[in-house]
Amino acid sequence: MKKILVSAVAILALSTTAMAEVNNQTGCGLGSQVIKSADTAVLYALQATTNGTSGNQTFGITSGTSGCEKTKFVMNERAQEFVASNMDQLAKEIAKGHGESIETLAELLNIEDKATFSASLQENYNSIYTSKDAKMADVLDNISTVSL
């Protein structure tokens, strides 16, 4: 009986969030499709965990499904997944011109001159993040245009 009650509460909780808007902080994937609004840390964690489970976020990024957009510029999947999961932090660091996320992205893109890469990203911030709702695919395409 307890299992049925817990299942009913879980379904009810998930169904009420289905009408809200999509959260861009945890990236695309199944979790972002099922849990449309993450108002609490628990829902953020559940959304991010579901996105990363069974490779569904990677599949979505590669195929352009599950709310993910495919980049025009062919780039490795790890870079796409990293940017999708770290959009906010990456934007902050690009604005500053340095940070661990930029270093990680440079590693994933096999950039040797990280200082020049960071400076180029900072210099072209407005060309990379063209709106506050910029998508991962657009950000990566813009990075490839201005920095690679």
C-alpha atoms as a PDB file:
ATOM      1  CA  MET A   1       0.000   0.000   0.000  1.00  0.00           C
ATOM      2  CA  LYS A   2       2.857   2.372   0.857  1.00  0.00           C
ATOM      3  CA  LYS A   3       4.462   1.785  -2.549  1.00  0.00           C
ATOM      4  CA  ILE A   4       1.241   2.695  -4.331  1.00  0.00           C
ATOM      5  CA  LEU A   5       0.859   5.850  -2.244  1.00  0.00           C
ATOM      6  CA  VAL A   6       4.458   6.911  -2.848  1.00  0.00           C
ATOM      7  CA  SER A   7       4.085   6.226  -6.577  1.00  0.00           C
ATOM      8  CA  ALA A   8       0.880   8.271  -6.750  1.00  0.00           C
ATOM      9  CA  VAL A   9       2.523  11.209  -4.953  1.00  0.00           C
ATOM     10  CA  ALA A  10       5.539  11.050  -7.288  1.00  0.00           C
ATOM     11  CA  ILE A  11       3.345  11.005 -10.386  1.00  0.00           C
ATOM     12  CA  LEU A  12       1.294  13.895  -9.059  1.00  0.00           C
ATOM     13  CA  ALA A  13       4.429  15.914  -8.259  1.00  0.00           C
ATOM     14  CA  LEU A  14       5.894  15.311 -11.706  1.00  0.00           C
ATOM     15  CA  SER A  15       2.650  16.036 -13.523  1.00  0.00           C
ATOM     16  CA  THR A  16       2.268  19.444 -11.856  1.00  0.00           C
ATOM     17  CA  THR A  17       5.710  20.489 -13.033  1.00  0.00           C
ATOM     18  CA  ALA A  18       4.976  19.461 -16.621  1.00  0.00           C
ATOM     19  CA  MET A  19       3.089  22.703 -17.334  1.00  0.00           C
ATOM     20  CA  ALA A  20       5.906  25.065 -16.313  1.00  0.00           C
ATOM     21  CA  GLU A  21       8.688  26.380 -18.525  1.00  0.00           C
ATOM     22  CA  VAL A  22      11.966  24.563 -19.233  1.00  0.00           C
ATOM     23  CA  ASN A  23      14.998  25.180 -17.012  1.00  0.00           C
ATOM     24  CA  ASN A  24      18.216  25.965 -18.896  1.00  0.00           C
ATOM     25  CA  GLN A  25      20.614  25.424 -15.982  1.00  0.00           C
ATOM     26  CA  THR A  26      20.761  21.642 -16.120  1.00  0.00           C
ATOM     27  CA  GLY A  27      21.057  21.250 -19.864  1.00  0.00           C
ATOM     28  CA  CYS A  28      18.862  19.338 -22.235  1.00  0.00           C
ATOM     29  CA  GLY A  29      17.819  15.704 -22.059  1.00  0.00           C
ATOM     30  CA  LEU A  30      15.094  13.479 -20.690  1.00  0.00           C
ATOM     31  CA  GLY A  31      15.164  15.122 -17.232  1.00  0.00           C
ATOM     32  CA  SER A  32      14.546  18.555 -18.725  1.00  0.00           C
ATOM     33  CA  GLN A  33      11.683  17.163 -20.800  1.00  0.00           C
ATOM     34  CA  VAL A  34       9.956  15.352 -17.923  1.00  0.00           C
ATOM     35  CA  ILE A  35      10.631  17.888 -15.140  1.00  0.00           C
ATOM     36  CA  LYS A  36       9.872  21.182 -16.860  1.00  0.00           C
ATOM     37  CA  SER A  37      10.304  23.426 -13.805  1.00  0.00           C
ATOM     38  CA  ALA A  38      12.917  22.981 -11.133  1.00  0.00           C
ATOM     39  CA  ASP A  39      11.891  25.324  -8.340  1.00  0.00           C
ATOM     40  CA  THR A  40      13.897  23.583  -5.635  1.00  0.00           C
ATOM     41  CA  ALA A  41      17.360  22.105  -5.274  1.00  0.00           C
ATOM     42  CA  VAL A  42      15.826  18.626  -5.156  1.00  0.00           C
ATOM     43  CA  LEU A  43      14.133  19.119  -8.541  1.00  0.00           C
ATOM     44  CA  TYR A  44      17.344  20.598 -10.004  1.00  0.00           C
ATOM     45  CA  ALA A  45      19.253  17.543  -8.791  1.00  0.00           C
ATOM     46  CA  LEU A  46      16.595  15.161 -10.106  1.00  0.00           C
ATOM     47  CA  GLN A  47      16.529  16.947 -13.466  1.00  0.00           C
ATOM     48  CA  ALA A  48      20.339  16.904 -13.820  1.00  0.00           C
ATOM     49  CA  THR A  49      20.590  13.277 -12.673  1.00  0.00           C
ATOM     50  CA  THR A  50      17.915  12.178 -15.114  1.00  0.00           C
ATOM     51  CA  ASN A  51      19.609  14.121 -17.929  1.00  0.00           C
ATOM     52  CA  GLY A  52      22.884  12.316 -17.278  1.00  0.00           C
ATOM     53  CA  THR A  53      21.421   8.840 -16.772  1.00  0.00           C
ATOM     54  CA  SER A  54      21.888   6.177 -19.443  1.00  0.00           C
ATOM     55  CA  GLY A  55      23.584   8.632 -21.801  1.00  0.00           C
ATOM     56  CA  ASN A  56      20.279  10.258 -22.776  1.00  0.00           C
ATOM     57  CA  GLN A  57      21.763  13.779 -22.688  1.00  0.00           C
ATOM     58  CA  THR A  58      24.671  12.684 -24.864  1.00  0.00           C
ATOM     59  CA  PHE A  59      22.263  11.013 -27.279  1.00  0.00           C
ATOM     60  CA  GLY A  60      20.064  14.128 -27.330  1.00  0.00           C
ATOM     61  CA  ILE A  61      23.009  16.408 -28.071  1.00  0.00           C
ATOM     62  CA  THR A  62      24.313  14.101 -30.794  1.00  0.00           C
ATOM     63  CA  SER A  63      20.944  13.536 -32.445  1.00  0.00           C
ATOM     64  CA  GLY A  64      19.341  16.918 -31.768  1.00  0.00           C
ATOM     65  CA  THR A  65      16.449  15.347 -29.810  1.00  0.00           C
ATOM     66  CA  SER A  66      15.164  15.596 -26.202  1.00  0.00           C
ATOM     67  CA  GLY A  67      15.155  19.375 -26.332  1.00  0.00           C
ATOM     68  CA  CYS A  68      18.793  19.493 -27.466  1.00  0.00           C
ATOM     69  CA  GLU A  69      20.018  21.315 -30.540  1.00  0.00           C
ATOM     70  CA  LYS A  70      22.746  19.968 -32.742  1.00  0.00           C
ATOM     71  CA  THR A  71      25.644  22.326 -33.410  1.00  0.00           C
ATOM     72  CA  LYS A  72      26.420  23.371 -36.978  1.00  0.00           C
ATOM     73  CA  PHE A  73      30.130  23.088 -36.266  1.00  0.00           C
ATOM     74  CA  VAL A  74      31.199  19.473 -35.756  1.00  0.00           C
ATOM     75  CA  MET A  75      32.703  19.232 -32.302  1.00  0.00           C
ATOM     76  CA  ASN A  76      33.337  16.384 -29.918  1.00  0.00           C
ATOM     77  CA  GLU A  77      30.425  15.189 -27.822  1.00  0.00           C
ATOM     78  CA  ARG A  78      32.223  15.817 -24.539  1.00  0.00           C
ATOM     79  CA  ALA A  79      32.560  19.533 -25.365  1.00  0.00           C
ATOM     80  CA  GLN A  80      28.881  19.726 -26.299  1.00  0.00           C
ATOM     81  CA  GLU A  81      27.826  17.938 -23.126  1.00  0.00           C
ATOM     82  CA  PHE A  82      30.123  20.129 -21.014  1.00  0.00           C
ATOM     83  CA  VAL A  83      28.765  23.385 -22.437  1.00  0.00           C
ATOM     84  CA  ALA A  84      25.156  22.184 -22.132  1.00  0.00           C
ATOM     85  CA  SER A  85      25.673  21.391 -18.455  1.00  0.00           C
ATOM     86  CA  ASN A  86      27.712  24.502 -17.597  1.00  0.00           C
ATOM     87  CA  MET A  87      26.091  27.343 -19.555  1.00  0.00           C
ATOM     88  CA  ASP A  88      25.743  29.757 -16.621  1.00  0.00           C
ATOM     89  CA  GLN A  89      29.205  29.189 -15.155  1.00  0.00           C
ATOM     90  CA  LEU A  90      30.829  29.378 -18.572  1.00  0.00           C
ATOM     91  CA  ALA A  91      29.079  32.687 -19.334  1.00  0.00           C
ATOM     92  CA  LYS A  92      30.355  34.184 -16.065  1.00  0.00           C
ATOM     93  CA  GLU A  93      33.911  33.026 -16.699  1.00  0.00           C
ATOM     94  CA  ILE A  94      33.941  34.185 -20.314  1.00  0.00           C
ATOM     95  CA  ALA A  95      32.814  37.615 -19.104  1.00  0.00           C
ATOM     96  CA  LYS A  96      35.737  37.637 -16.619  1.00  0.00           C
ATOM     97  CA  GLY A  97      38.186  36.170 -19.122  1.00  0.00           C
ATOM     98  CA  HIS A  98      39.369  33.265 -16.978  1.00  0.00           C
ATOM     99  CA  GLY A  99      38.195  30.286 -14.941  1.00  0.00           C
ATOM    100  CA  GLU A 100      38.093  26.530 -14.621  1.00  0.00           C
ATOM    101  CA  SER A 101      35.223  26.112 -17.088  1.00  0.00           C
ATOM    102  CA  ILE A 102      37.162  27.942 -19.811  1.00  0.00           C
ATOM    103  CA  GLU A 103      40.223  25.805 -19.022  1.00  0.00           C
ATOM    104  CA  THR A 104      38.132  22.631 -19.269  1.00  0.00           C
ATOM    105  CA  LEU A 105      36.509  23.732 -22.526  1.00  0.00           C
ATOM    106  CA  ALA A 106      39.932  24.526 -23.972  1.00  0.00           C
ATOM    107  CA  GLU A 107      41.111  21.030 -23.014  1.00  0.00           C
ATOM    108  CA  LEU A 108      38.040  19.430 -24.598  1.00  0.00           C
ATOM    109  CA  LEU A 109      38.596  21.426 -27.798  1.00  0.00           C
ATOM    110  CA  ASN A 110      42.346  20.631 -27.813  1.00  0.00           C
ATOM    111  CA  ILE A 111      43.314  24.317 -27.594  1.00  0.00           C
ATOM    112  CA  GLU A 112      47.030  24.728 -26.901  1.00  0.00           C
ATOM    113  CA  ASP A 113      47.170  28.487 -26.272  1.00  0.00           C
ATOM    114  CA  LYS A 114      44.616  28.797 -23.475  1.00  0.00           C
ATOM    115  CA  ALA A 115      45.490  32.415 -22.642  1.00  0.00           C
ATOM    116  CA  THR A 116      44.745  33.590 -26.190  1.00  0.00           C
ATOM    117  CA  PHE A 117      41.594  31.444 -26.263  1.00  0.00           C
ATOM    118  CA  SER A 118      40.351  32.971 -22.972  1.00  0.00           C
ATOM    119  CA  ALA A 119      41.126  36.511 -24.147  1.00  0.00           C
ATOM    120  CA  SER A 120      39.354  35.895 -27.450  1.00  0.00           C
ATOM    121  CA  LEU A 121      36.276  34.557 -25.674  1.00  0.00           C
ATOM    122  CA  GLN A 122      36.143  37.561 -23.352  1.00  0.00           C
ATOM    123  CA  GLU A 123      36.653  40.006 -26.208  1.00  0.00           C
ATOM    124  CA  ASN A 124      33.807  38.403 -28.176  1.00  0.00           C
ATOM    125  CA  TYR A 125      31.399  37.771 -25.279  1.00  0.00           C
ATOM    126  CA  ASN A 126      28.488  39.622 -26.946  1.00  0.00           C
ATOM    127  CA  SER A 127      29.007  37.661 -30.159  1.00  0.00           C
ATOM    128  CA  ILE A 128      29.006  34.350 -28.258  1.00  0.00           C
ATOM    129  CA  TYR A 129      26.047  35.021 -25.960  1.00  0.00           C
ATOM    130  CA  THR A 130      23.686  36.841 -28.308  1.00  0.00           C
ATOM    131  CA  SER A 131      20.756  36.665 -25.868  1.00  0.00           C
ATOM    132  CA  LYS A 132      20.101  35.760 -22.242  1.00  0.00           C
ATOM    133  CA  ASP A 133      18.369  32.586 -23.460  1.00  0.00           C
ATOM    134  CA  ALA A 134      21.251  31.435 -25.674  1.00  0.00           C
ATOM    135  CA  LYS A 135      21.232  27.717 -26.466  1.00  0.00           C
ATOM    136  CA  MET A 136      24.224  25.397 -26.201  1.00  0.00           C
ATOM    137  CA  ALA A 137      24.382  24.838 -29.964  1.00  0.00           C
ATOM    138  CA  ASP A 138      24.417  28.583 -30.656  1.00  0.00           C
ATOM    139  CA  VAL A 139      27.097  29.208 -28.018  1.00  0.00           C
ATOM    140  CA  LEU A 140      29.382  26.508 -29.441  1.00  0.00           C
ATOM    141  CA  ASP A 141      28.808  27.680 -33.009  1.00  0.00           C
ATOM    142  CA  ASN A 142      29.635  31.247 -31.958  1.00  0.00           C
ATOM    143  CA  ILE A 143      32.745  30.123 -30.065  1.00  0.00           C
ATOM    144  CA  SER A 144      33.938  28.244 -33.145  1.00  0.00           C
ATOM    145  CA  THR A 145      33.346  31.340 -35.285  1.00  0.00           C
ATOM    146  CA  VAL A 146      35.172  33.836 -33.081  1.00  0.00           C
ATOM    147  CA  SER A 147      37.879  31.721 -31.435  1.00  0.00           C
ATOM    148  CA  LEU A 148      38.829  28.668 -33.478  1.00  0.00           C
END
